[in-house]
């Protein structure tokens, strides 16, 4: 009898079911492990390129990483591959609606209308229908003309604010990287002659409060010397945009904010030493000199290392004070035991909150900036449905840095 040696043979581990593998991607995102999610979704797409779920989550991951064109491409594939699985159901309508959202976000307005109309169902019906109607008024694609570099003086105040607007109608707008879209008060929208205004459901402000919004078209928007042409804007009531003095002084009303939609069209540098903001053609930041940000639900999230733990903070130039969410506090070494009673007002575009706990003597590192002896109030905020939000990096710390944003990467350099 011949003995057969099996010691050198290796058996391949069985592949896990696709749904289980997709669940692992979702879990990685929920834990803020964006690198793991990228690796796992790449393996799934290689394993079954025609799988609708894999295409859908590939689109989600690409969107998180600010890769607009990849997100659109994968969502097209998700729609195409879903037709053979779910037919023309509400789920299919949602797939098409998300494609419309991504096309609109990427400035491919002419292509977005049909998909937005098709996805105008359920809770998204009013918003997508309004955006589709405004898309019909916009150019086919977003484009800018004139110089691709401008430096503008920041106005005195608690948040970065500068003059911009429509032609000769220049008005102060605050730069608010915590707001998804450029937003105007109703009176400012009238002054700048915003047209085609339609009700667009509700949006969530920096305090987690839902407020009714409208969407309209500004025929010409100028940032310094750069003419962006026609742009969509959100319109809200006067008291929905309210920036308050950091120390509880008299309120002043901001009538408009430059949101992440237009900020993302540039390389933007906020320089507190020069008291200026520079907008220029995006060209990317070197990986060794910057950190990868995540764009989740209209917010720019930056990795912040706190006490050796990587957390995800909203990079929010419209928030008066940096803070922790409840999950962020719980993720720190020592967790809730480190939070002590306190009373602090936290102010943001749209209003304010009161924190009754805070965590003291923290060390934070964000990109190249390091902050010592930081006190972070604990604030109950919207903590994200797909990707976690552990806190907010506000003006109190950002004003001590030169902040550069470019194509989803950020560099923070301490200046004082």
Protein backbone atom coordinates (compact mmCIF):
# COMPACT_ATOMS: atom_id res chain seq x y z
CA UNK A 1 0.00 0.00 0.00
CA UNK A 2 1.26 3.44 -0.92
CA UNK A 3 1.17 6.06 1.82
CA UNK A 4 -0.04 9.45 0.64
CA UNK A 5 1.53 12.41 2.49
CA UNK A 6 -0.92 15.21 3.17
CA UNK A 7 1.29 17.42 5.30
CA UNK A 8 2.27 19.66 2.39
CA UNK A 9 -1.26 20.20 1.12
CA UNK A 10 -3.12 23.40 1.93
CA UNK A 11 -6.84 23.89 1.70
CA UNK A 12 -8.29 27.26 0.81
CA UNK A 13 -10.61 28.77 3.39
CA UNK A 14 -14.19 28.80 2.10
CA UNK A 15 -15.48 32.15 0.93
CA UNK A 16 -17.95 33.76 3.27
CA UNK A 17 -21.39 34.54 1.80
CA UNK A 18 -21.59 37.88 0.01
CA UNK A 19 -24.09 39.34 2.47
CA UNK A 20 -21.86 38.43 5.40
CA UNK A 21 -18.91 40.07 3.64
CA UNK A 22 -20.99 43.21 3.00
CA UNK A 23 -22.00 43.27 6.65
CA UNK A 24 -18.28 43.32 7.50
CA UNK A 25 -17.87 46.43 5.31
CA UNK A 26 -20.78 48.14 7.06
CA UNK A 27 -19.33 47.23 10.47
CA UNK A 28 -15.91 48.60 9.52
CA UNK A 29 -17.46 51.91 8.46
CA UNK A 30 -19.55 52.13 11.64
CA UNK A 31 -16.33 51.75 13.65
CA UNK A 32 -14.49 54.40 11.62
CA UNK A 33 -12.10 51.86 10.06
CA UNK A 34 -12.17 53.39 6.59
CA UNK A 35 -8.99 51.61 5.43
CA UNK A 36 -10.45 48.19 6.29
CA UNK A 37 -13.67 49.06 4.46
CA UNK A 38 -11.70 50.07 1.34
CA UNK A 39 -9.77 46.79 1.36
CA UNK A 40 -12.81 44.60 1.96
CA UNK A 41 -15.04 46.26 -0.63
CA UNK A 42 -12.22 46.00 -3.19
CA UNK A 43 -12.02 42.27 -2.60
CA UNK A 44 -15.78 41.93 -2.97
CA UNK A 45 -15.83 43.81 -6.25
CA UNK A 46 -13.00 41.64 -7.61
CA UNK A 47 -14.86 38.53 -6.49
CA UNK A 48 -18.18 39.44 -8.14
CA UNK A 49 -18.09 42.61 -10.29
CA UNK A 50 -21.79 42.32 -11.12
CA UNK A 51 -23.04 42.14 -7.53
CA UNK A 52 -25.44 45.05 -6.92
CA UNK A 53 -24.73 45.28 -3.20
CA UNK A 54 -20.98 45.36 -3.71
CA UNK A 55 -21.37 48.14 -6.29
CA UNK A 56 -23.63 50.09 -3.92
CA UNK A 57 -21.17 49.96 -1.03
CA UNK A 58 -18.27 50.69 -3.37
CA UNK A 59 -20.14 53.89 -4.22
CA UNK A 60 -20.66 54.72 -0.54
CA UNK A 61 -16.95 54.23 0.23
CA UNK A 62 -15.87 56.31 -2.78
CA UNK A 63 -18.22 59.10 -1.70
CA UNK A 64 -16.78 59.01 1.82
CA UNK A 65 -13.31 59.49 0.31
CA UNK A 66 -14.42 62.47 -1.85
CA UNK A 67 -14.00 60.47 -5.07
CA UNK A 68 -17.05 61.90 -6.84
CA UNK A 69 -16.56 60.30 -10.23
CA UNK A 70 -15.85 56.85 -8.76
CA UNK A 71 -18.93 57.15 -6.54
CA UNK A 72 -21.07 57.97 -9.58
CA UNK A 73 -19.55 55.13 -11.63
CA UNK A 74 -20.19 52.53 -8.91
CA UNK A 75 -23.73 53.81 -8.34
CA UNK A 76 -24.47 53.51 -12.06
CA UNK A 77 -23.33 49.90 -11.75
CA UNK A 78 -25.53 49.39 -8.68
CA UNK A 79 -28.57 50.67 -10.59
CA UNK A 80 -27.76 48.57 -13.65
CA UNK A 81 -27.14 45.39 -11.67
CA UNK A 82 -30.15 45.89 -9.40
CA UNK A 83 -32.62 45.82 -12.28
CA UNK A 84 -32.32 42.05 -12.56
CA UNK A 85 -32.76 41.59 -8.81
CA UNK A 86 -35.35 43.98 -7.43
CA UNK A 87 -37.15 45.33 -10.49
CA UNK A 88 -38.85 48.74 -10.44
CA UNK A 89 -39.59 48.70 -6.71
CA UNK A 90 -39.17 51.46 -4.16
CA UNK A 91 -35.72 50.06 -3.42
CA UNK A 92 -34.85 50.54 -7.08
CA UNK A 93 -36.18 54.09 -6.93
CA UNK A 94 -33.92 54.77 -3.96
CA UNK A 95 -30.92 53.46 -5.91
CA UNK A 96 -31.73 55.84 -8.76
CA UNK A 97 -32.36 58.69 -6.35
CA UNK A 98 -28.96 58.23 -4.74
CA UNK A 99 -27.41 58.29 -8.22
CA UNK A 100 -29.14 61.63 -8.76
CA UNK A 101 -27.79 62.93 -5.44
CA UNK A 102 -24.23 61.98 -6.43
CA UNK A 103 -24.51 63.49 -9.92
CA UNK A 104 -25.85 66.74 -8.44
CA UNK A 105 -23.06 66.80 -5.84
CA UNK A 106 -20.45 66.28 -8.57
CA UNK A 107 -21.82 69.25 -10.54
CA UNK A 108 -23.17 67.03 -13.32
CA UNK A 109 -26.49 68.81 -13.06
CA UNK A 110 -27.81 68.04 -16.53
CA UNK A 111 -27.56 64.29 -15.89
CA UNK A 112 -28.97 64.41 -12.37
CA UNK A 113 -32.54 65.51 -13.07
CA UNK A 114 -34.01 62.26 -14.39
CA UNK A 115 -32.47 60.18 -11.60
CA UNK A 116 -33.63 62.63 -8.93
CA UNK A 117 -37.19 62.56 -10.27
CA UNK A 118 -37.09 58.75 -10.34
CA UNK A 119 -35.88 58.70 -6.73
CA UNK A 120 -38.45 61.20 -5.43
CA UNK A 121 -40.16 58.71 -3.12
CA UNK A 122 -40.74 58.39 0.61
CA UNK A 123 -38.93 60.81 2.90
CA UNK A 124 -36.77 62.03 0.01
CA UNK A 125 -39.65 62.94 -2.30
CA UNK A 126 -39.86 66.70 -1.68
CA UNK A 127 -36.09 67.26 -1.54
CA UNK A 128 -35.22 65.30 -4.66
CA UNK A 129 -38.08 66.75 -6.66
CA UNK A 130 -36.96 70.28 -5.75
CA UNK A 131 -33.32 69.56 -6.60
CA UNK A 132 -34.37 68.03 -9.92
CA UNK A 133 -36.31 71.17 -10.83
CA UNK A 134 -33.38 73.42 -9.91
CA UNK A 135 -31.02 71.13 -11.88
CA UNK A 136 -33.11 71.91 -14.97
CA UNK A 137 -32.23 75.61 -14.50
CA UNK A 138 -28.51 75.05 -13.97
CA UNK A 139 -25.82 74.56 -16.65
CA UNK A 140 -25.26 70.98 -17.78
CA UNK A 141 -22.01 70.82 -15.76
CA UNK A 142 -20.36 73.01 -13.13
CA UNK A 143 -17.54 75.18 -14.40
CA UNK A 144 -15.59 78.21 -13.23
CA UNK A 145 -14.07 81.04 -15.24
CA UNK A 146 -11.47 83.72 -14.69
CA UNK A 147 -8.39 83.43 -12.44
CA UNK A 148 -7.94 80.24 -10.46
CA UNK A 149 -6.22 81.91 -7.51
CA UNK A 150 -7.52 84.53 -5.11
CA UNK A 151 -6.63 85.65 -1.59
CA UNK A 152 -9.32 87.42 0.39
CA UNK A 153 -9.07 89.32 3.66
CA UNK A 154 -11.03 87.79 6.53
CA UNK A 155 -13.38 90.14 8.33
CA UNK A 156 -13.00 90.70 12.06
CA UNK A 157 -15.12 88.29 14.09
CA UNK A 158 -15.38 84.93 15.75
CA UNK A 159 -15.63 82.82 12.60
CA UNK A 160 -13.85 83.08 9.22
CA UNK A 161 -15.94 85.44 7.11
CA UNK A 162 -15.18 87.35 3.92
CA UNK A 163 -16.90 89.29 1.16
CA UNK A 164 -18.28 87.37 -1.81
CA UNK A 165 -21.55 87.27 -3.70
CA UNK A 166 -23.00 87.96 -7.11
CA UNK A 167 -21.29 90.50 -9.33
CA UNK A 168 -21.34 93.93 -7.68
CA UNK A 169 -23.61 92.69 -4.89
CA UNK A 170 -20.90 91.65 -2.42
CA UNK A 171 -21.92 90.47 1.04
CA UNK A 172 -20.08 88.85 3.99
CA UNK A 173 -20.40 85.05 4.07
CA UNK A 174 -19.01 82.84 6.83
CA UNK A 175 -16.91 79.83 5.79
CA UNK A 176 -18.66 76.86 7.37
CA UNK A 177 -17.05 73.50 6.64
CA UNK A 178 -19.67 71.90 8.88
CA UNK A 179 -22.49 72.79 6.46
CA UNK A 180 -23.08 70.65 3.37
CA UNK A 181 -24.31 73.38 1.01
CA UNK A 182 -23.89 77.11 0.65
CA UNK A 183 -26.83 78.62 2.52
CA UNK A 184 -28.42 82.08 2.45
CA UNK A 185 -31.02 83.76 4.60
CA UNK A 186 -34.22 84.67 2.81
CA UNK A 187 -33.43 88.40 2.78
CA UNK A 188 -29.93 87.82 1.37
CA UNK A 189 -31.36 85.46 -1.26
CA UNK A 190 -33.68 88.27 -2.34
CA UNK A 191 -30.80 90.79 -2.48
CA UNK A 192 -28.69 88.40 -4.58
CA UNK A 193 -31.71 87.61 -6.78
CA UNK A 194 -31.87 83.88 -6.20
CA UNK A 195 -34.57 82.45 -8.45
CA UNK A 196 -36.47 79.22 -8.92
CA UNK A 197 -36.82 78.75 -5.16
CA UNK A 198 -38.62 75.55 -4.14
CA UNK A 199 -39.33 73.85 -0.84
CA UNK A 200 -36.77 71.08 -0.28
CA UNK A 201 -37.78 69.38 2.95
CA UNK A 202 -35.61 69.73 6.04
CA UNK A 203 -31.89 69.82 6.83
CA UNK A 204 -30.02 69.13 10.06
CA UNK A 205 -28.03 72.03 11.49
CA UNK A 206 -24.89 71.86 13.62
CA UNK A 207 -26.90 71.32 16.81
CA UNK A 208 -28.81 68.36 15.35
CA UNK A 209 -31.97 70.42 14.92
CA UNK A 210 -34.12 69.89 11.82
CA UNK A 211 -35.05 73.11 10.01
CA UNK A 212 -37.09 73.65 6.85
CA UNK A 213 -35.04 74.59 3.78
CA UNK A 214 -35.62 75.67 0.21
CA UNK A 215 -33.31 75.35 -2.77
CA UNK A 216 -32.81 77.85 -5.55
CA UNK A 217 -30.46 79.11 -8.25
CA UNK A 218 -27.96 81.96 -7.96
CA UNK A 219 -27.18 82.90 -11.55
CA UNK A 220 -23.67 84.11 -10.81
CA UNK A 221 -21.53 83.51 -7.73
CA UNK A 222 -18.13 85.13 -7.33
CA UNK A 223 -15.51 84.12 -4.75
CA UNK A 224 -12.93 86.87 -4.81
CA UNK A 225 -11.74 87.01 -8.41
CA UNK A 226 -13.04 83.53 -9.29
CA UNK A 227 -16.38 83.42 -11.11
CA UNK A 228 -18.16 80.13 -10.40
CA UNK A 229 -21.08 80.96 -12.66
CA UNK A 230 -24.49 79.63 -11.67
CA UNK A 231 -24.67 77.65 -8.42
CA UNK A 232 -27.45 76.05 -6.36
CA UNK A 233 -27.99 77.44 -2.85
CA UNK A 234 -30.14 76.59 0.14
CA UNK A 235 -32.45 79.29 1.49
CA UNK A 236 -33.54 79.42 5.15
CA UNK A 237 -35.41 81.83 7.40
CA UNK A 238 -33.46 84.67 9.03
CA UNK A 239 -33.20 83.19 12.52
CA UNK A 240 -31.86 79.85 11.22
CA UNK A 241 -28.43 81.45 10.63
CA UNK A 242 -27.21 82.95 13.86
CA UNK A 243 -23.57 83.32 14.90
CA UNK A 244 -23.15 84.33 18.54
CA UNK A 245 -20.22 85.90 20.36
CA UNK A 246 -18.01 83.23 21.97
CA UNK A 247 -18.24 84.85 25.39
CA UNK A 248 -21.99 85.34 25.58
CA UNK A 249 -22.05 88.90 24.24
CA UNK A 250 -24.62 90.43 21.90
CA UNK A 251 -25.83 88.22 19.09
CA UNK A 252 -25.05 89.08 15.52
CA UNK A 253 -26.78 87.52 12.57
CA UNK A 254 -24.86 85.90 9.73
CA UNK A 255 -26.89 86.08 6.56
CA UNK A 256 -25.04 83.41 4.64
CA UNK A 257 -22.47 80.64 4.83
CA UNK A 258 -20.15 79.21 2.20
CA UNK A 259 -20.67 75.47 2.57
CA UNK A 260 -18.68 72.36 1.83
CA UNK A 261 -20.10 72.07 -1.71
CA UNK A 262 -18.22 75.17 -2.91
CA UNK A 263 -15.25 74.83 -0.54
CA UNK A 264 -14.60 71.40 -2.07
CA UNK A 265 -14.27 72.96 -5.53
CA UNK A 266 -10.96 74.57 -4.47
CA UNK A 267 -7.82 74.12 -2.49
CA UNK A 268 -8.72 76.36 0.43
CA UNK A 269 -6.22 77.68 2.98
CA UNK A 270 -7.33 79.56 6.09
CA UNK A 271 -4.33 81.49 7.42
CA UNK A 272 -4.83 83.19 10.82
CA UNK A 273 -1.38 84.85 10.64
CA UNK A 274 -2.32 86.68 7.45
CA UNK A 275 -6.01 86.96 8.43
CA UNK A 276 -6.89 85.70 4.98
CA UNK A 277 -8.37 82.84 3.02
CA UNK A 278 -6.80 81.60 -0.22
CA UNK A 279 -8.80 79.79 -2.90
CA UNK A 280 -6.87 78.13 -5.72
CA UNK A 281 -7.03 75.30 -8.21
CA UNK A 282 -7.10 71.94 -6.37
CA UNK A 283 -4.04 69.81 -6.97
CA UNK A 284 -3.97 67.43 -4.01
CA UNK A 285 -1.87 67.32 -0.86
CA UNK A 286 1.04 64.87 -0.38
CA UNK A 287 0.02 61.89 1.75
CA UNK A 288 3.05 62.36 4.01
CA UNK A 289 2.07 65.95 4.82
CA UNK A 290 -1.68 65.60 5.24
CA UNK A 291 -4.46 63.32 6.47
CA UNK A 292 -7.33 61.70 4.62
CA UNK A 293 -10.68 63.24 5.54
CA UNK A 294 -14.07 61.57 5.22
CA UNK A 295 -17.15 63.29 3.80
CA UNK A 296 -20.14 61.83 5.64
CA UNK A 297 -23.68 63.19 5.43
CA UNK A 298 -22.49 66.60 4.26
CA UNK A 299 -19.78 66.97 6.91
CA UNK A 300 -15.99 66.92 6.63
CA UNK A 301 -14.57 64.53 9.23
CA UNK A 302 -10.88 64.65 10.09
CA UNK A 303 -8.97 61.99 12.07
CA UNK A 304 -7.92 63.34 15.47
CA UNK A 305 -5.71 61.32 17.80
CA UNK A 306 -6.82 61.86 21.38
CA UNK A 307 -4.86 60.11 24.14
CA UNK A 308 -3.58 57.59 21.57
CA UNK A 309 -7.04 56.79 20.16
CA UNK A 310 -7.99 57.76 16.60
CA UNK A 311 -11.35 59.50 16.59
CA UNK A 312 -13.28 61.29 13.84
CA UNK A 313 -14.11 64.96 14.42
CA UNK A 314 -16.20 67.28 12.23
CA UNK A 315 -13.87 69.97 10.89
CA UNK A 316 -16.25 72.84 11.63
CA UNK A 317 -15.20 76.45 11.08
CA UNK A 318 -18.72 77.51 12.09
CA UNK A 319 -18.55 76.04 15.63
CA UNK A 320 -17.30 78.22 18.46
CA UNK A 321 -15.78 75.44 20.54
CA UNK A 322 -14.39 71.96 20.00
CA UNK A 323 -16.34 69.22 21.73
CA UNK A 324 -16.90 65.49 22.14
CA UNK A 325 -19.99 63.51 21.30
CA UNK A 326 -21.14 60.91 23.80
CA UNK A 327 -19.59 58.09 21.77
CA UNK A 328 -16.36 60.06 21.53
CA UNK A 329 -16.21 60.42 25.29
CA UNK A 330 -16.87 56.70 25.70
CA UNK A 331 -14.05 55.83 23.26
CA UNK A 332 -11.40 57.61 25.36
CA UNK A 333 -9.28 55.71 27.90
CA UNK A 334 -11.28 55.92 31.12
CA UNK A 335 -14.49 56.69 29.24
CA UNK A 336 -17.33 58.32 31.14
CA UNK A 337 -15.38 58.31 34.41
CA UNK A 338 -13.26 61.18 33.03
CA UNK A 339 -16.21 63.50 32.41
CA UNK A 340 -16.74 66.04 35.18
CA UNK A 341 -19.75 68.32 35.79
CA UNK A 342 -19.59 71.65 33.96
CA UNK A 343 -21.76 74.28 32.34
CA UNK A 344 -20.71 75.66 29.00
CA UNK A 345 -22.56 77.15 26.06
CA UNK A 346 -21.49 75.76 22.70
CA UNK A 347 -22.41 77.98 19.79
CA UNK A 348 -22.72 77.10 16.14
CA UNK A 349 -24.33 78.36 12.96
CA UNK A 350 -28.02 77.92 13.68
CA UNK A 351 -27.93 78.30 17.45
CA UNK A 352 -26.35 76.86 20.54
CA UNK A 353 -26.32 74.03 23.03
CA UNK A 354 -25.44 73.66 26.67
CA UNK A 355 -22.89 71.09 27.83
CA UNK A 356 -23.16 69.86 31.44
CA UNK A 357 -20.06 67.64 31.34
CA UNK A 358 -16.53 68.07 30.06
CA UNK A 359 -13.29 66.12 29.79
CA UNK A 360 -10.17 68.04 30.82
CA UNK A 361 -6.42 67.99 30.26
CA UNK A 362 -6.54 66.17 26.93
CA UNK A 363 -3.80 66.04 24.32
CA UNK A 364 -5.00 66.16 20.71
CA UNK A 365 -3.14 65.73 17.44
CA UNK A 366 -4.71 66.61 14.10
CA UNK A 367 -2.46 66.36 11.05
CA UNK A 368 0.69 68.32 12.00
CA UNK A 369 -0.96 70.34 14.79
CA UNK A 370 -0.71 69.30 18.43
CA UNK A 371 -2.83 70.74 21.23
CA UNK A 372 -2.14 70.27 24.95
CA UNK A 373 -4.29 70.75 28.06
CA UNK A 374 -7.49 70.85 26.02
CA UNK A 375 -10.91 70.80 27.68
CA UNK A 376 -13.69 69.28 25.56
CA UNK A 377 -17.34 69.70 26.54
CA UNK A 378 -19.52 66.62 25.98
CA UNK A 379 -22.40 67.47 23.65
CA UNK A 380 -25.23 65.23 22.49
CA UNK A 381 -25.11 65.61 18.70
CA UNK A 382 -26.08 63.65 15.62
CA UNK A 383 -23.39 60.95 15.54
CA UNK A 384 -23.85 59.72 11.96
CA UNK A 385 -25.72 56.78 10.49
CA UNK A 386 -22.96 55.25 8.32
CA UNK A 387 -19.74 56.70 9.73
CA UNK A 388 -19.11 57.74 13.35
CA UNK A 389 -18.82 61.31 14.61
CA UNK A 390 -16.79 61.45 17.83
CA UNK A 391 -16.51 65.20 18.18
CA UNK A 392 -16.15 68.63 16.61
CA UNK A 393 -12.95 70.57 15.90
CA UNK A 394 -14.10 74.17 16.25
CA UNK A 395 -12.77 77.69 15.92
CA UNK A 396 -11.11 77.70 19.35
CA UNK A 397 -8.49 75.24 18.04
CA UNK A 398 -8.69 75.86 14.30
CA UNK A 399 -7.89 79.55 14.80
CA UNK A 400 -4.48 78.43 16.09
CA UNK A 401 -3.70 76.59 12.83
CA UNK A 402 -3.15 77.18 9.18
CA UNK A 403 -5.81 74.91 7.67
CA UNK A 404 -5.59 73.61 4.10
CA UNK A 405 -8.29 71.47 2.48
CA UNK A 406 -7.76 69.94 -0.95
CA UNK A 407 -9.56 67.01 -2.58
CA UNK A 408 -10.54 65.37 0.66
CA UNK A 409 -7.18 65.76 2.37
CA UNK A 410 -6.34 68.22 5.13
CA UNK A 411 -3.19 69.73 6.58
CA UNK A 412 -3.26 71.57 9.91
CA UNK A 413 -0.12 73.46 10.92
CA UNK A 414 0.05 75.17 14.30
CA UNK A 415 0.97 78.85 13.97
CA UNK A 416 0.75 80.01 17.62
